[in-house]
Amino acid sequence: MKVSKRTVYILLVIVITIAIDQISKIWIRLNVAPGSQSEIVGDYFTLHNVENAGAFLGMGSDLNPTLRLILLLILPMVVLAFVLRYIFKDKTLDNASLFAFSSIIGGGVANVYDRIVYGSVTDFWHIDLGGMFRTGIFNMADLSVTTGMIILLIVSFRKKNV
């Protein structure tokens, strides 16, 4: 069975995304004290080590265990499987869209893996540009998902303007 370049590209982006995320989280767990905060670039860019039992910004961390299992593990796995199936089936997707969807899948899988193995997700980056722009504490998987979504938005706007 011959594997297409497209399939290799998709799987490579997913695997690299997961690897970068997991390596960064291992480094944080080994080298940054839990609950700590270190300045990287003043108060603008800081490094932390926090465990997030919920989803984005801790949402869902106070749900009962059954609901948390459904909303933070089962539902994301089903959605990620459907997105993966979609990108393998739709041969008309351009490389930017393939990269975006693959980044979203890789980031999603990395965070689901953490929830299964550790019971929470390690978050560590924080950006605060003086009130003008401020993030929650996030990780590389979150960055991959967000980047993928931004790329998809740009691609969709470009298609509408053509």
N, C-alpha and C. Protein backbone atom coordinates (compact mmCIF):
# COMPACT_ATOMS: atom_id res chain seq x y z
N MET A 1 0.84 -1.19 0.00
CA MET A 1 0.00 0.00 0.00
C MET A 1 0.88 1.24 0.00
N LYS A 2 0.64 2.13 -0.94
CA LYS A 2 1.42 3.35 -1.06
C LYS A 2 0.74 4.47 -0.26
N VAL A 3 1.55 5.16 0.56
CA VAL A 3 1.04 6.27 1.36
C VAL A 3 1.34 7.56 0.61
N SER A 4 0.33 8.40 0.44
CA SER A 4 0.50 9.64 -0.32
C SER A 4 1.29 10.68 0.47
N LYS A 5 1.88 11.63 -0.26
CA LYS A 5 2.59 12.74 0.38
C LYS A 5 1.65 13.54 1.27
N ARG A 6 0.42 13.65 0.82
CA ARG A 6 -0.60 14.40 1.58
C ARG A 6 -0.83 13.75 2.95
N THR A 7 -0.97 12.42 2.97
CA THR A 7 -1.17 11.68 4.21
C THR A 7 0.03 11.84 5.13
N VAL A 8 1.23 11.73 4.56
CA VAL A 8 2.46 11.90 5.35
C VAL A 8 2.50 13.31 5.93
N TYR A 9 2.14 14.32 5.14
CA TYR A 9 2.13 15.70 5.59
C TYR A 9 1.18 15.88 6.79
N ILE A 10 -0.03 15.37 6.65
CA ILE A 10 -1.03 15.48 7.72
C ILE A 10 -0.51 14.83 8.99
N LEU A 11 -0.05 13.59 8.88
CA LEU A 11 0.41 12.85 10.06
C LEU A 11 1.66 13.48 10.67
N LEU A 12 2.54 14.01 9.83
CA LEU A 12 3.75 14.66 10.33
C LEU A 12 3.42 15.91 11.14
N VAL A 13 2.51 16.73 10.63
CA VAL A 13 2.10 17.93 11.37
C VAL A 13 1.47 17.53 12.71
N ILE A 14 0.62 16.54 12.72
CA ILE A 14 -0.03 16.09 13.95
C ILE A 14 1.02 15.58 14.94
N VAL A 15 1.90 14.71 14.49
CA VAL A 15 2.91 14.12 15.38
C VAL A 15 3.88 15.18 15.92
N ILE A 16 4.34 16.08 15.06
CA ILE A 16 5.26 17.15 15.51
C ILE A 16 4.56 18.06 16.51
N THR A 17 3.31 18.39 16.27
CA THR A 17 2.54 19.23 17.21
C THR A 17 2.45 18.55 18.57
N ILE A 18 2.10 17.28 18.58
CA ILE A 18 2.00 16.54 19.85
C ILE A 18 3.37 16.48 20.53
N ALA A 19 4.42 16.19 19.77
CA ALA A 19 5.76 16.07 20.35
C ALA A 19 6.23 17.38 20.98
N ILE A 20 6.07 18.50 20.27
CA ILE A 20 6.49 19.80 20.81
C ILE A 20 5.73 20.10 22.10
N ASP A 21 4.44 19.84 22.09
CA ASP A 21 3.63 20.09 23.28
C ASP A 21 4.07 19.22 24.44
N GLN A 22 4.21 17.93 24.22
CA GLN A 22 4.55 17.02 25.31
C GLN A 22 5.96 17.27 25.84
N ILE A 23 6.91 17.56 24.96
CA ILE A 23 8.27 17.86 25.41
C ILE A 23 8.28 19.13 26.25
N SER A 24 7.54 20.15 25.82
CA SER A 24 7.50 21.40 26.59
C SER A 24 6.86 21.19 27.96
N LYS A 25 5.83 20.37 28.03
CA LYS A 25 5.17 20.11 29.32
C LYS A 25 6.06 19.28 30.24
N ILE A 26 6.79 18.33 29.69
CA ILE A 26 7.73 17.55 30.51
C ILE A 26 8.79 18.47 31.08
N TRP A 27 9.33 19.36 30.25
CA TRP A 27 10.35 20.30 30.71
C TRP A 27 9.81 21.19 31.83
N ILE A 28 8.60 21.69 31.65
CA ILE A 28 7.98 22.54 32.69
C ILE A 28 7.81 21.76 33.98
N ARG A 29 7.26 20.55 33.90
CA ARG A 29 7.04 19.75 35.11
C ARG A 29 8.34 19.46 35.85
N LEU A 30 9.45 19.29 35.11
CA LEU A 30 10.74 18.97 35.72
C LEU A 30 11.50 20.20 36.22
N ASN A 31 11.27 21.36 35.60
CA ASN A 31 12.13 22.51 35.87
C ASN A 31 11.45 23.74 36.47
N VAL A 32 10.14 23.77 36.51
CA VAL A 32 9.43 24.95 37.03
C VAL A 32 8.57 24.51 38.21
N ALA A 33 8.76 25.17 39.33
CA ALA A 33 8.01 24.82 40.54
C ALA A 33 6.51 25.02 40.32
N PRO A 34 5.69 24.06 40.75
CA PRO A 34 4.23 24.22 40.60
C PRO A 34 3.75 25.50 41.28
N GLY A 35 2.89 26.22 40.57
CA GLY A 35 2.31 27.45 41.10
C GLY A 35 3.21 28.66 41.02
N SER A 36 4.42 28.48 40.47
CA SER A 36 5.35 29.61 40.42
C SER A 36 5.10 30.51 39.21
N GLN A 37 5.74 31.68 39.24
CA GLN A 37 5.67 32.62 38.13
C GLN A 37 7.05 33.23 37.96
N SER A 38 7.58 33.19 36.74
CA SER A 38 8.89 33.77 36.42
C SER A 38 8.73 34.73 35.26
N GLU A 39 9.40 35.85 35.36
CA GLU A 39 9.36 36.82 34.27
C GLU A 39 10.28 36.37 33.14
N ILE A 40 9.77 36.39 31.94
CA ILE A 40 10.58 36.13 30.75
C ILE A 40 10.92 37.48 30.12
N VAL A 41 9.88 38.28 29.87
CA VAL A 41 10.03 39.65 29.39
C VAL A 41 9.18 40.52 30.31
N GLY A 42 9.75 40.91 31.43
CA GLY A 42 9.02 41.69 32.42
C GLY A 42 7.72 41.01 32.79
N ASP A 43 6.69 41.82 33.04
CA ASP A 43 5.36 41.27 33.33
C ASP A 43 4.59 40.95 32.06
N TYR A 44 5.19 41.26 30.90
CA TYR A 44 4.51 41.08 29.63
C TYR A 44 4.41 39.61 29.20
N PHE A 45 5.45 38.85 29.51
CA PHE A 45 5.51 37.44 29.09
C PHE A 45 6.09 36.66 30.26
N THR A 46 5.26 35.80 30.88
CA THR A 46 5.69 35.09 32.08
C THR A 46 5.53 33.58 31.93
N LEU A 47 6.34 32.87 32.72
CA LEU A 47 6.34 31.42 32.72
C LEU A 47 5.76 30.92 34.03
N HIS A 48 4.87 29.95 33.95
CA HIS A 48 4.18 29.41 35.12
C HIS A 48 4.24 27.89 35.07
N ASN A 49 3.71 27.25 36.09
CA ASN A 49 3.46 25.81 36.08
C ASN A 49 2.16 25.59 36.84
N VAL A 50 1.07 25.50 36.09
CA VAL A 50 -0.23 25.27 36.71
C VAL A 50 -0.90 24.07 36.06
N GLU A 51 -1.65 23.35 36.86
CA GLU A 51 -2.41 22.21 36.35
C GLU A 51 -3.86 22.64 36.20
N ASN A 52 -4.39 22.46 35.00
CA ASN A 52 -5.73 22.89 34.67
C ASN A 52 -6.61 21.64 34.52
N ALA A 53 -7.52 21.44 35.46
CA ALA A 53 -8.42 20.28 35.41
C ALA A 53 -9.59 20.51 34.46
N GLY A 54 -9.76 21.75 33.99
CA GLY A 54 -10.86 22.06 33.09
C GLY A 54 -10.38 22.23 31.67
N ALA A 55 -11.11 23.05 30.93
CA ALA A 55 -10.76 23.35 29.55
C ALA A 55 -10.19 24.77 29.53
N PHE A 56 -10.47 25.51 28.47
CA PHE A 56 -9.98 26.87 28.30
C PHE A 56 -10.25 27.72 29.54
N LEU A 57 -9.19 28.32 30.09
CA LEU A 57 -9.26 29.16 31.28
C LEU A 57 -9.88 28.45 32.49
N GLY A 58 -9.74 27.13 32.54
CA GLY A 58 -10.25 26.37 33.68
C GLY A 58 -11.73 26.07 33.64
N MET A 59 -12.41 26.50 32.57
CA MET A 59 -13.85 26.24 32.50
C MET A 59 -14.13 24.75 32.55
N GLY A 60 -15.07 24.36 33.36
CA GLY A 60 -15.45 22.97 33.48
C GLY A 60 -14.72 22.22 34.58
N SER A 61 -13.77 22.87 35.24
CA SER A 61 -13.01 22.16 36.29
C SER A 61 -13.87 21.82 37.50
N ASP A 62 -14.97 22.54 37.67
CA ASP A 62 -15.83 22.27 38.82
C ASP A 62 -17.04 21.38 38.47
N LEU A 63 -17.06 20.83 37.27
CA LEU A 63 -18.14 19.92 36.87
C LEU A 63 -17.99 18.59 37.60
N ASN A 64 -19.11 17.87 37.71
CA ASN A 64 -19.01 16.54 38.33
C ASN A 64 -18.19 15.64 37.40
N PRO A 65 -17.55 14.60 37.95
CA PRO A 65 -16.64 13.76 37.16
C PRO A 65 -17.24 13.16 35.89
N THR A 66 -18.50 12.76 35.92
CA THR A 66 -19.13 12.16 34.74
C THR A 66 -19.27 13.18 33.62
N LEU A 67 -19.75 14.37 33.97
CA LEU A 67 -19.92 15.43 32.98
C LEU A 67 -18.56 15.88 32.44
N ARG A 68 -17.56 15.97 33.31
CA ARG A 68 -16.22 16.36 32.88
C ARG A 68 -15.66 15.30 31.92
N LEU A 69 -15.90 14.02 32.19
CA LEU A 69 -15.45 12.94 31.31
C LEU A 69 -16.08 13.09 29.92
N ILE A 70 -17.38 13.37 29.90
CA ILE A 70 -18.09 13.51 28.62
C ILE A 70 -17.63 14.75 27.87
N LEU A 71 -17.59 15.91 28.54
CA LEU A 71 -17.30 17.17 27.86
C LEU A 71 -15.81 17.42 27.57
N LEU A 72 -14.92 16.86 28.39
CA LEU A 72 -13.49 17.15 28.22
C LEU A 72 -12.68 16.00 27.65
N LEU A 73 -13.29 14.81 27.57
CA LEU A 73 -12.56 13.68 26.98
C LEU A 73 -13.30 13.05 25.81
N ILE A 74 -14.52 12.58 26.05
CA ILE A 74 -15.24 11.84 25.01
C ILE A 74 -15.63 12.76 23.85
N LEU A 75 -16.27 13.87 24.13
CA LEU A 75 -16.69 14.79 23.06
C LEU A 75 -15.49 15.29 22.24
N PRO A 76 -14.41 15.76 22.87
CA PRO A 76 -13.25 16.18 22.06
C PRO A 76 -12.68 15.05 21.20
N MET A 77 -12.62 13.83 21.72
CA MET A 77 -12.10 12.72 20.91
C MET A 77 -12.99 12.45 19.70
N VAL A 78 -14.29 12.52 19.89
CA VAL A 78 -15.22 12.31 18.77
C VAL A 78 -15.05 13.41 17.73
N VAL A 79 -14.99 14.66 18.19
CA VAL A 79 -14.83 15.79 17.26
C VAL A 79 -13.50 15.67 16.51
N LEU A 80 -12.42 15.37 17.22
CA LEU A 80 -11.11 15.24 16.58
C LEU A 80 -11.11 14.11 15.55
N ALA A 81 -11.79 13.01 15.85
CA ALA A 81 -11.88 11.90 14.90
C ALA A 81 -12.64 12.32 13.64
N PHE A 82 -13.72 13.06 13.81
CA PHE A 82 -14.48 13.55 12.65
C PHE A 82 -13.66 14.53 11.81
N VAL A 83 -12.91 15.41 12.47
CA VAL A 83 -12.07 16.37 11.73
C VAL A 83 -10.98 15.62 10.96
N LEU A 84 -10.37 14.62 11.60
CA LEU A 84 -9.34 13.82 10.93
C LEU A 84 -9.93 13.10 9.71
N ARG A 85 -11.09 12.51 9.89
CA ARG A 85 -11.77 11.83 8.78
C ARG A 85 -12.05 12.82 7.65
N TYR A 86 -12.51 14.01 8.02
CA TYR A 86 -12.83 15.05 7.03
C TYR A 86 -11.60 15.43 6.21
N ILE A 87 -10.47 15.67 6.87
CA ILE A 87 -9.30 16.13 6.11
C ILE A 87 -8.70 15.01 5.25
N PHE A 88 -8.89 13.77 5.66
CA PHE A 88 -8.42 12.67 4.79
C PHE A 88 -9.34 12.49 3.59
N LYS A 89 -10.64 12.74 3.76
CA LYS A 89 -11.60 12.52 2.67
C LYS A 89 -11.66 13.69 1.68
N ASP A 90 -11.57 14.93 2.19
CA ASP A 90 -11.71 16.10 1.31
C ASP A 90 -10.38 16.41 0.64
N LYS A 91 -10.23 15.95 -0.57
CA LYS A 91 -8.97 16.12 -1.32
C LYS A 91 -8.83 17.53 -1.90
N THR A 92 -9.84 18.37 -1.73
CA THR A 92 -9.77 19.73 -2.28
C THR A 92 -9.16 20.73 -1.31
N LEU A 93 -8.87 20.31 -0.09
CA LEU A 93 -8.30 21.24 0.90
C LEU A 93 -6.90 21.67 0.49
N ASP A 94 -6.63 22.97 0.60
CA ASP A 94 -5.30 23.48 0.28
C ASP A 94 -4.34 23.17 1.44
N ASN A 95 -3.04 23.40 1.20
CA ASN A 95 -2.03 23.08 2.22
C ASN A 95 -2.19 23.89 3.50
N ALA A 96 -2.60 25.14 3.39
CA ALA A 96 -2.80 25.96 4.59
C ALA A 96 -3.92 25.37 5.46
N SER A 97 -5.01 24.95 4.82
CA SER A 97 -6.12 24.35 5.56
C SER A 97 -5.71 23.01 6.16
N LEU A 98 -4.95 22.21 5.40
CA LEU A 98 -4.47 20.94 5.93
C LEU A 98 -3.58 21.17 7.15
N PHE A 99 -2.68 22.15 7.06
CA PHE A 99 -1.81 22.48 8.19
C PHE A 99 -2.65 22.92 9.39
N ALA A 100 -3.63 23.79 9.14
CA ALA A 100 -4.48 24.31 10.21
C ALA A 100 -5.26 23.18 10.90
N PHE A 101 -5.94 22.36 10.13
CA PHE A 101 -6.71 21.26 10.72
C PHE A 101 -5.79 20.27 11.45
N SER A 102 -4.63 19.98 10.87
CA SER A 102 -3.69 19.05 11.49
C SER A 102 -3.15 19.62 12.80
N SER A 103 -2.91 20.93 12.85
CA SER A 103 -2.45 21.58 14.07
C SER A 103 -3.52 21.52 15.15
N ILE A 104 -4.76 21.73 14.76
CA ILE A 104 -5.88 21.65 15.69
C ILE A 104 -5.99 20.22 16.25
N ILE A 105 -5.90 19.24 15.37
CA ILE A 105 -5.98 17.84 15.81
C ILE A 105 -4.82 17.51 16.75
N GLY A 106 -3.60 17.89 16.37
CA GLY A 106 -2.43 17.61 17.20
C GLY A 106 -2.55 18.24 18.58
N GLY A 107 -2.95 19.51 18.63
CA GLY A 107 -3.13 20.19 19.91
C GLY A 107 -4.23 19.57 20.74
N GLY A 108 -5.32 19.21 20.09
CA GLY A 108 -6.43 18.58 20.79
C GLY A 108 -6.04 17.22 21.36
N VAL A 109 -5.36 16.42 20.57
CA VAL A 109 -4.92 15.10 21.02
C VAL A 109 -3.95 15.25 22.20
N ALA A 110 -3.03 16.20 22.11
CA ALA A 110 -2.04 16.40 23.19
C ALA A 110 -2.72 16.74 24.51
N ASN A 111 -3.72 17.62 24.48
CA ASN A 111 -4.41 17.97 25.72
C ASN A 111 -5.30 16.84 26.22
N VAL A 112 -5.94 16.10 25.32
CA VAL A 112 -6.74 14.94 25.73
C VAL A 112 -5.83 13.89 26.38
N TYR A 113 -4.66 13.69 25.78
CA TYR A 113 -3.69 12.74 26.36
C TYR A 113 -3.35 13.13 27.80
N ASP A 114 -3.10 14.41 28.04
CA ASP A 114 -2.79 14.89 29.40
C ASP A 114 -3.93 14.60 30.36
N ARG A 115 -5.15 14.85 29.91
CA ARG A 115 -6.30 14.62 30.79
C ARG A 115 -6.43 13.14 31.14
N ILE A 116 -6.12 12.27 30.18
CA ILE A 116 -6.19 10.82 30.44
C ILE A 116 -5.06 10.39 31.37
N VAL A 117 -3.84 10.80 31.07
CA VAL A 117 -2.66 10.32 31.80
C VAL A 117 -2.48 11.02 33.15
N TYR A 118 -2.66 12.35 33.18
CA TYR A 118 -2.38 13.13 34.39
C TYR A 118 -3.63 13.62 35.12
N GLY A 119 -4.77 13.56 34.47
CA GLY A 119 -5.99 14.06 35.09
C GLY A 119 -6.16 15.56 34.96
N SER A 120 -5.18 16.22 34.35
CA SER A 120 -5.23 17.67 34.12
C SER A 120 -4.24 18.01 33.01
N VAL A 121 -4.26 19.27 32.59
CA VAL A 121 -3.39 19.75 31.53
C VAL A 121 -2.42 20.77 32.13
N THR A 122 -1.14 20.62 31.84
CA THR A 122 -0.13 21.57 32.32
C THR A 122 -0.13 22.80 31.42
N ASP A 123 -0.35 23.96 32.02
CA ASP A 123 -0.30 25.24 31.31
C ASP A 123 0.87 26.04 31.86
N PHE A 124 1.49 26.89 30.99
CA PHE A 124 2.69 27.58 31.47
C PHE A 124 2.98 28.95 30.88
N TRP A 125 2.46 29.31 29.74
CA TRP A 125 2.73 30.65 29.17
C TRP A 125 1.63 31.63 29.57
N HIS A 126 2.01 32.89 29.75
CA HIS A 126 1.03 33.94 29.99
C HIS A 126 1.54 35.22 29.34
N ILE A 127 0.67 35.91 28.63
CA ILE A 127 1.00 37.17 27.98
C ILE A 127 0.06 38.25 28.52
N ASP A 128 0.65 39.39 28.90
CA ASP A 128 -0.14 40.54 29.36
C ASP A 128 0.52 41.80 28.82
N LEU A 129 -0.08 42.37 27.80
CA LEU A 129 0.48 43.58 27.18
C LEU A 129 -0.15 44.83 27.76
N GLY A 130 -0.17 44.90 29.08
CA GLY A 130 -0.64 46.10 29.76
C GLY A 130 -2.12 46.38 29.62
N GLY A 131 -2.94 45.37 29.63
CA GLY A 131 -4.38 45.56 29.54
C GLY A 131 -4.90 45.62 28.12
N MET A 132 -4.03 45.92 27.16
CA MET A 132 -4.43 46.01 25.76
C MET A 132 -4.69 44.60 25.19
N PHE A 133 -3.91 43.64 25.63
CA PHE A 133 -4.07 42.24 25.22
C PHE A 133 -3.57 41.38 26.37
N ARG A 134 -4.41 40.43 26.78
CA ARG A 134 -4.05 39.56 27.89
C ARG A 134 -4.62 38.17 27.65
N THR A 135 -3.80 37.17 27.88
CA THR A 135 -4.25 35.79 27.72
C THR A 135 -4.44 35.16 29.08
N GLY A 136 -5.07 34.00 29.08
CA GLY A 136 -5.02 33.13 30.25
C GLY A 136 -3.69 32.40 30.19
N ILE A 137 -3.43 31.53 31.12
CA ILE A 137 -2.22 30.72 31.08
C ILE A 137 -2.50 29.56 30.11
N PHE A 138 -1.58 29.35 29.17
CA PHE A 138 -1.82 28.37 28.11
C PHE A 138 -0.57 27.54 27.85
N ASN A 139 -0.69 26.57 26.94
CA ASN A 139 0.43 25.69 26.60
C ASN A 139 0.60 25.62 25.08
N MET A 140 1.54 24.82 24.63
CA MET A 140 1.81 24.72 23.20
C MET A 140 0.65 24.09 22.43
N ALA A 141 -0.07 23.16 23.05
CA ALA A 141 -1.23 22.57 22.38
C ALA A 141 -2.30 23.63 22.14
N ASP A 142 -2.53 24.47 23.16
CA ASP A 142 -3.50 25.56 23.01
C ASP A 142 -3.07 26.51 21.89
N LEU A 143 -1.76 26.80 21.84
CA LEU A 143 -1.23 27.67 20.80
C LEU A 143 -1.45 27.05 19.42
N SER A 144 -1.26 25.74 19.30
CA SER A 144 -1.48 25.05 18.02
C SER A 144 -2.94 25.11 17.58
N VAL A 145 -3.84 24.88 18.52
CA VAL A 145 -5.28 24.94 18.21
C VAL A 145 -5.66 26.36 17.79
N THR A 146 -5.20 27.35 18.54
CA THR A 146 -5.53 28.75 18.23
C THR A 146 -4.94 29.16 16.88
N THR A 147 -3.69 28.79 16.63
CA THR A 147 -3.05 29.11 15.35
C THR A 147 -3.81 28.47 14.21
N GLY A 148 -4.20 27.21 14.38
CA GLY A 148 -4.99 26.53 13.35
C GLY A 148 -6.30 27.24 13.06
N MET A 149 -6.98 27.67 14.12
CA MET A 149 -8.25 28.38 13.93
C MET A 149 -8.04 29.71 13.20
N ILE A 150 -7.00 30.44 13.55
CA ILE A 150 -6.71 31.72 12.88
C ILE A 150 -6.42 31.49 11.41
N ILE A 151 -5.61 30.47 11.11
CA ILE A 151 -5.32 30.15 9.71
C ILE A 151 -6.59 29.80 8.95
N LEU A 152 -7.47 29.01 9.55
CA LEU A 152 -8.74 28.66 8.88
C LEU A 152 -9.59 29.89 8.61
N LEU A 153 -9.62 30.83 9.57
CA LEU A 153 -10.37 32.07 9.36
C LEU A 153 -9.80 32.87 8.20
N ILE A 154 -8.48 33.00 8.16
CA ILE A 154 -7.83 33.74 7.07
C ILE A 154 -8.11 33.08 5.73
N VAL A 155 -7.98 31.76 5.67
CA VAL A 155 -8.24 31.03 4.42
C VAL A 155 -9.69 31.21 3.99
N SER A 156 -10.62 31.16 4.94
CA SER A 156 -12.03 31.30 4.57
C SER A 156 -12.34 32.71 4.08
N PHE A 157 -11.73 33.73 4.69
CA PHE A 157 -11.94 35.11 4.21
C PHE A 157 -11.34 35.31 2.83
N ARG A 158 -10.20 34.73 2.58
CA ARG A 158 -9.57 34.84 1.26
C ARG A 158 -10.43 34.19 0.20
N LYS A 159 -11.03 33.05 0.51
CA LYS A 159 -11.89 32.36 -0.45
C LYS A 159 -13.14 33.17 -0.77
N LYS A 160 -13.67 33.86 0.24
CA LYS A 160 -14.87 34.68 0.03
C LYS A 160 -14.57 35.92 -0.79
N ASN A 161 -13.33 36.42 -0.72
CA ASN A 161 -12.96 37.65 -1.45
C ASN A 161 -12.50 37.36 -2.86
N VAL A 162 -12.39 36.10 -3.23
CA VAL A 162 -11.93 35.76 -4.59
C VAL A 162 -13.09 35.70 -5.52
